[in-house]
Amino acid sequence: MELSKAADTLKELGHPTRLSVYRELVKAGHEGLPVGELQKRLEIPASTLSHHLSSLISVSLVRQERKGRTLYCHARYENLEALITFLTEECCSGTDDCLTLPQKTEK
């Protein structure tokens, strides 16, 4: 990931509502969530949700898919992984005292 792309992505995640939207979609897994369910969970107006989804779509963190009459939103995990890799790939490369990144634990 290029620096400018990472900066744009982090900028969009820097808004509390967008971060909440994205976290809900990440929690939902690969099946995603219908827009109406996402709106209900976050308790925000449809127009506000639409605005924030557009921002997340513009930096490729979210994609939408229509199934029948229902519009689903999905986190684009490959781009989340790319951002995490960008942020951590040179972790402590200039020092011998390196931070150990936490490993995901099974629930």
N, C-alpha and C. Protein backbone atom coordinates (compact mmCIF):
# COMPACT_ATOMS: atom_id res chain seq x y z
N MET A 1 0.85 -1.18 0.00
CA MET A 1 0.00 0.00 0.00
C MET A 1 0.89 1.24 0.00
N GLU A 2 0.52 2.20 -0.80
CA GLU A 2 1.27 3.45 -0.87
C GLU A 2 0.91 4.35 0.31
N LEU A 3 1.83 5.23 0.65
CA LEU A 3 1.64 6.14 1.77
C LEU A 3 0.37 6.97 1.62
N SER A 4 0.13 7.53 0.44
CA SER A 4 -1.05 8.38 0.24
C SER A 4 -2.35 7.59 0.38
N LYS A 5 -2.37 6.36 -0.09
CA LYS A 5 -3.55 5.50 0.05
C LYS A 5 -3.79 5.18 1.53
N ALA A 6 -2.73 4.87 2.26
CA ALA A 6 -2.86 4.59 3.70
C ALA A 6 -3.38 5.83 4.43
N ALA A 7 -2.86 6.99 4.07
CA ALA A 7 -3.29 8.24 4.72
C ALA A 7 -4.77 8.51 4.45
N ASP A 8 -5.21 8.31 3.21
CA ASP A 8 -6.62 8.51 2.88
C ASP A 8 -7.51 7.54 3.64
N THR A 9 -7.08 6.30 3.73
CA THR A 9 -7.85 5.28 4.44
C THR A 9 -7.96 5.61 5.92
N LEU A 10 -6.85 5.98 6.52
CA LEU A 10 -6.86 6.33 7.94
C LEU A 10 -7.70 7.58 8.20
N LYS A 11 -7.67 8.52 7.25
CA LYS A 11 -8.49 9.74 7.39
C LYS A 11 -9.97 9.38 7.46
N GLU A 12 -10.40 8.49 6.58
CA GLU A 12 -11.82 8.10 6.58
C GLU A 12 -12.19 7.33 7.85
N LEU A 13 -11.28 6.53 8.37
CA LEU A 13 -11.54 5.81 9.62
C LEU A 13 -11.45 6.71 10.84
N GLY A 14 -10.95 7.93 10.65
CA GLY A 14 -10.77 8.86 11.75
C GLY A 14 -12.05 9.50 12.26
N HIS A 15 -13.16 9.27 11.58
CA HIS A 15 -14.44 9.81 12.03
C HIS A 15 -15.14 8.75 12.90
N PRO A 16 -15.61 9.12 14.08
CA PRO A 16 -16.20 8.12 14.99
C PRO A 16 -17.34 7.30 14.38
N THR A 17 -18.21 7.94 13.62
CA THR A 17 -19.33 7.20 13.03
C THR A 17 -18.84 6.22 11.98
N ARG A 18 -17.92 6.66 11.12
CA ARG A 18 -17.38 5.75 10.10
C ARG A 18 -16.65 4.58 10.73
N LEU A 19 -15.91 4.86 11.79
CA LEU A 19 -15.21 3.78 12.48
C LEU A 19 -16.22 2.80 13.08
N SER A 20 -17.30 3.29 13.62
CA SER A 20 -18.35 2.42 14.16
C SER A 20 -18.99 1.57 13.06
N VAL A 21 -19.27 2.19 11.93
CA VAL A 21 -19.83 1.46 10.78
C VAL A 21 -18.88 0.34 10.37
N TYR A 22 -17.62 0.69 10.22
CA TYR A 22 -16.63 -0.30 9.76
C TYR A 22 -16.47 -1.43 10.76
N ARG A 23 -16.43 -1.11 12.03
CA ARG A 23 -16.29 -2.15 13.06
C ARG A 23 -17.48 -3.11 13.04
N GLU A 24 -18.68 -2.59 12.84
CA GLU A 24 -19.86 -3.46 12.75
C GLU A 24 -19.74 -4.40 11.56
N LEU A 25 -19.25 -3.88 10.44
CA LEU A 25 -19.11 -4.72 9.25
C LEU A 25 -18.02 -5.77 9.43
N VAL A 26 -16.94 -5.40 10.08
CA VAL A 26 -15.87 -6.37 10.36
C VAL A 26 -16.40 -7.47 11.28
N LYS A 27 -17.16 -7.08 12.30
CA LYS A 27 -17.74 -8.06 13.22
C LYS A 27 -18.72 -9.00 12.51
N ALA A 28 -19.39 -8.49 11.49
CA ALA A 28 -20.41 -9.28 10.79
C ALA A 28 -19.82 -10.42 9.98
N GLY A 29 -18.55 -10.36 9.66
CA GLY A 29 -17.93 -11.42 8.88
C GLY A 29 -18.18 -11.26 7.39
N HIS A 30 -17.87 -12.31 6.66
CA HIS A 30 -17.94 -12.24 5.20
C HIS A 30 -19.36 -12.14 4.65
N GLU A 31 -20.35 -12.49 5.45
CA GLU A 31 -21.74 -12.38 4.98
C GLU A 31 -22.21 -10.94 4.93
N GLY A 32 -21.55 -10.05 5.67
CA GLY A 32 -21.93 -8.65 5.67
C GLY A 32 -23.23 -8.41 6.40
N LEU A 33 -23.74 -7.20 6.22
CA LEU A 33 -25.00 -6.81 6.87
C LEU A 33 -25.87 -6.05 5.88
N PRO A 34 -27.18 -6.26 5.95
CA PRO A 34 -28.08 -5.40 5.17
C PRO A 34 -27.98 -3.96 5.69
N VAL A 35 -28.12 -3.01 4.81
CA VAL A 35 -28.03 -1.60 5.19
C VAL A 35 -29.02 -1.29 6.32
N GLY A 36 -30.22 -1.81 6.23
CA GLY A 36 -31.22 -1.54 7.27
C GLY A 36 -30.81 -2.06 8.64
N GLU A 37 -30.19 -3.23 8.67
CA GLU A 37 -29.72 -3.79 9.93
C GLU A 37 -28.57 -2.95 10.49
N LEU A 38 -27.69 -2.53 9.63
CA LEU A 38 -26.57 -1.67 10.05
C LEU A 38 -27.11 -0.37 10.64
N GLN A 39 -28.10 0.21 9.98
CA GLN A 39 -28.71 1.45 10.47
C GLN A 39 -29.35 1.23 11.83
N LYS A 40 -30.05 0.11 12.00
CA LYS A 40 -30.70 -0.19 13.27
C LYS A 40 -29.68 -0.37 14.39
N ARG A 41 -28.60 -1.09 14.12
CA ARG A 41 -27.58 -1.33 15.14
C ARG A 41 -26.91 -0.04 15.59
N LEU A 42 -26.68 0.87 14.65
CA LEU A 42 -25.96 2.10 14.98
C LEU A 42 -26.89 3.24 15.38
N GLU A 43 -28.18 3.07 15.15
CA GLU A 43 -29.17 4.08 15.51
C GLU A 43 -28.85 5.45 14.90
N ILE A 44 -28.63 5.44 13.58
CA ILE A 44 -28.36 6.69 12.86
C ILE A 44 -29.32 6.80 11.68
N PRO A 45 -29.62 8.03 11.23
CA PRO A 45 -30.51 8.21 10.08
C PRO A 45 -29.93 7.58 8.81
N ALA A 46 -30.82 7.16 7.93
CA ALA A 46 -30.40 6.53 6.67
C ALA A 46 -29.48 7.44 5.85
N SER A 47 -29.78 8.72 5.81
CA SER A 47 -28.96 9.64 5.01
C SER A 47 -27.55 9.77 5.59
N THR A 48 -27.45 9.74 6.92
CA THR A 48 -26.14 9.81 7.57
C THR A 48 -25.34 8.55 7.28
N LEU A 49 -25.99 7.40 7.39
CA LEU A 49 -25.32 6.13 7.10
C LEU A 49 -24.85 6.10 5.65
N SER A 50 -25.69 6.53 4.73
CA SER A 50 -25.33 6.55 3.31
C SER A 50 -24.09 7.40 3.06
N HIS A 51 -24.04 8.55 3.69
CA HIS A 51 -22.88 9.45 3.55
C HIS A 51 -21.61 8.76 4.03
N HIS A 52 -21.67 8.13 5.20
CA HIS A 52 -20.48 7.50 5.76
C HIS A 52 -20.09 6.25 4.97
N LEU A 53 -21.06 5.50 4.48
CA LEU A 53 -20.74 4.33 3.65
C LEU A 53 -20.05 4.77 2.36
N SER A 54 -20.51 5.86 1.77
CA SER A 54 -19.86 6.37 0.55
C SER A 54 -18.39 6.68 0.79
N SER A 55 -18.10 7.25 1.94
CA SER A 55 -16.70 7.56 2.28
C SER A 55 -15.87 6.29 2.41
N LEU A 56 -16.43 5.28 3.06
CA LEU A 56 -15.70 4.02 3.24
C LEU A 56 -15.55 3.26 1.93
N ILE A 57 -16.54 3.36 1.07
CA ILE A 57 -16.46 2.74 -0.26
C ILE A 57 -15.39 3.43 -1.09
N SER A 58 -15.27 4.75 -0.96
CA SER A 58 -14.31 5.51 -1.77
C SER A 58 -12.86 5.13 -1.50
N VAL A 59 -12.58 4.59 -0.31
CA VAL A 59 -11.21 4.15 0.00
C VAL A 59 -11.12 2.63 0.03
N SER A 60 -12.11 1.98 -0.57
CA SER A 60 -12.13 0.52 -0.75
C SER A 60 -12.10 -0.29 0.54
N LEU A 61 -12.67 0.25 1.60
CA LEU A 61 -12.79 -0.52 2.84
C LEU A 61 -14.11 -1.29 2.89
N VAL A 62 -15.08 -0.84 2.09
CA VAL A 62 -16.41 -1.45 2.09
C VAL A 62 -16.85 -1.64 0.64
N ARG A 63 -17.60 -2.71 0.43
CA ARG A 63 -18.25 -2.92 -0.87
C ARG A 63 -19.72 -3.22 -0.60
N GLN A 64 -20.55 -2.97 -1.60
CA GLN A 64 -21.97 -3.24 -1.47
C GLN A 64 -22.40 -4.24 -2.53
N GLU A 65 -23.41 -5.03 -2.18
CA GLU A 65 -23.91 -6.05 -3.09
C GLU A 65 -25.42 -6.15 -2.90
N ARG A 66 -26.13 -6.14 -4.00
CA ARG A 66 -27.58 -6.25 -3.92
C ARG A 66 -27.96 -7.73 -4.07
N LYS A 67 -28.79 -8.19 -3.13
CA LYS A 67 -29.35 -9.55 -3.19
C LYS A 67 -30.86 -9.38 -3.17
N GLY A 68 -31.47 -9.54 -4.32
CA GLY A 68 -32.90 -9.28 -4.43
C GLY A 68 -33.17 -7.81 -4.19
N ARG A 69 -33.99 -7.53 -3.20
CA ARG A 69 -34.32 -6.14 -2.88
C ARG A 69 -33.48 -5.58 -1.75
N THR A 70 -32.56 -6.39 -1.23
CA THR A 70 -31.77 -5.99 -0.06
C THR A 70 -30.35 -5.62 -0.46
N LEU A 71 -29.87 -4.49 0.03
CA LEU A 71 -28.51 -4.04 -0.23
C LEU A 71 -27.64 -4.43 0.97
N TYR A 72 -26.64 -5.25 0.71
CA TYR A 72 -25.71 -5.70 1.75
C TYR A 72 -24.41 -4.91 1.68
N CYS A 73 -23.83 -4.67 2.84
CA CYS A 73 -22.52 -4.04 2.94
C CYS A 73 -21.54 -5.07 3.50
N HIS A 74 -20.34 -5.07 2.95
CA HIS A 74 -19.31 -6.01 3.36
C HIS A 74 -18.01 -5.26 3.60
N ALA A 75 -17.31 -5.65 4.65
CA ALA A 75 -15.95 -5.14 4.85
C ALA A 75 -15.06 -5.80 3.81
N ARG A 76 -14.14 -5.04 3.25
CA ARG A 76 -13.17 -5.60 2.30
C ARG A 76 -11.92 -5.94 3.11
N TYR A 77 -11.90 -7.18 3.58
CA TYR A 77 -10.85 -7.63 4.49
C TYR A 77 -9.46 -7.56 3.87
N GLU A 78 -9.37 -7.75 2.57
CA GLU A 78 -8.05 -7.70 1.93
C GLU A 78 -7.43 -6.31 2.07
N ASN A 79 -8.27 -5.28 2.07
CA ASN A 79 -7.75 -3.92 2.22
C ASN A 79 -7.47 -3.57 3.68
N LEU A 80 -8.23 -4.15 4.60
CA LEU A 80 -7.91 -4.02 6.02
C LEU A 80 -6.56 -4.66 6.30
N GLU A 81 -6.36 -5.86 5.75
CA GLU A 81 -5.08 -6.55 5.94
C GLU A 81 -3.92 -5.75 5.34
N ALA A 82 -4.14 -5.15 4.17
CA ALA A 82 -3.10 -4.34 3.54
C ALA A 82 -2.74 -3.13 4.41
N LEU A 83 -3.73 -2.51 5.02
CA LEU A 83 -3.47 -1.37 5.89
C LEU A 83 -2.70 -1.80 7.13
N ILE A 84 -3.10 -2.89 7.74
CA ILE A 84 -2.39 -3.39 8.92
C ILE A 84 -0.95 -3.74 8.57
N THR A 85 -0.76 -4.38 7.44
CA THR A 85 0.60 -4.72 6.99
C THR A 85 1.42 -3.47 6.78
N PHE A 86 0.83 -2.46 6.13
CA PHE A 86 1.54 -1.20 5.90
C PHE A 86 1.99 -0.58 7.22
N LEU A 87 1.11 -0.60 8.22
CA LEU A 87 1.41 0.03 9.50
C LEU A 87 2.45 -0.74 10.32
N THR A 88 2.55 -2.03 10.10
CA THR A 88 3.42 -2.85 10.95
C THR A 88 4.63 -3.44 10.25
N GLU A 89 4.74 -3.31 8.92
CA GLU A 89 5.79 -4.02 8.20
C GLU A 89 7.20 -3.61 8.59
N GLU A 90 7.39 -2.41 9.04
CA GLU A 90 8.73 -1.99 9.43
C GLU A 90 8.81 -1.74 10.93
N CYS A 91 7.94 -2.39 11.66
CA CYS A 91 7.89 -2.21 13.11
C CYS A 91 9.26 -2.49 13.74
N CYS A 92 9.80 -1.49 14.39
CA CYS A 92 11.07 -1.60 15.13
C CYS A 92 12.25 -1.98 14.25
N SER A 93 12.18 -1.69 12.96
CA SER A 93 13.29 -2.07 12.08
C SER A 93 14.55 -1.27 12.36
N GLY A 94 14.42 -0.16 13.06
CA GLY A 94 15.59 0.66 13.36
C GLY A 94 16.13 0.47 14.77
N THR A 95 15.68 -0.57 15.45
CA THR A 95 16.11 -0.77 16.83
C THR A 95 16.18 -2.26 17.17
N ASP A 96 16.95 -2.58 18.17
CA ASP A 96 17.02 -3.97 18.64
C ASP A 96 15.91 -4.26 19.64
N ASP A 97 15.33 -3.22 20.21
CA ASP A 97 14.28 -3.36 21.21
C ASP A 97 12.93 -3.32 20.51
N CYS A 98 12.47 -4.46 20.05
CA CYS A 98 11.29 -4.51 19.20
C CYS A 98 10.02 -4.83 19.97
N LEU A 99 8.98 -4.18 19.57
CA LEU A 99 7.65 -4.44 20.09
C LEU A 99 7.17 -5.78 19.54
N THR A 100 6.61 -6.60 20.38
CA THR A 100 6.01 -7.84 19.93
C THR A 100 4.53 -7.58 19.73
N LEU A 101 4.07 -7.76 18.51
CA LEU A 101 2.66 -7.53 18.21
C LEU A 101 1.83 -8.67 18.78
N PRO A 102 0.69 -8.35 19.36
CA PRO A 102 -0.15 -9.41 19.94
C PRO A 102 -0.69 -10.32 18.85
N GLN A 103 -0.78 -11.59 19.17
CA GLN A 103 -1.35 -12.57 18.25
C GLN A 103 -2.83 -12.73 18.58
N LYS A 104 -3.61 -13.02 17.57
CA LYS A 104 -5.04 -13.23 17.78
C LYS A 104 -5.22 -14.52 18.59
N THR A 105 -6.04 -14.44 19.60
CA THR A 105 -6.31 -15.61 20.42
C THR A 105 -7.68 -16.17 20.08
N GLU A 106 -7.82 -17.45 20.23
CA GLU A 106 -9.11 -18.10 19.98
C GLU A 106 -10.04 -17.83 21.15
N LYS A 107 -11.30 -17.62 20.84
CA LYS A 107 -12.29 -17.36 21.90
C LYS A 107 -12.84 -18.66 22.41
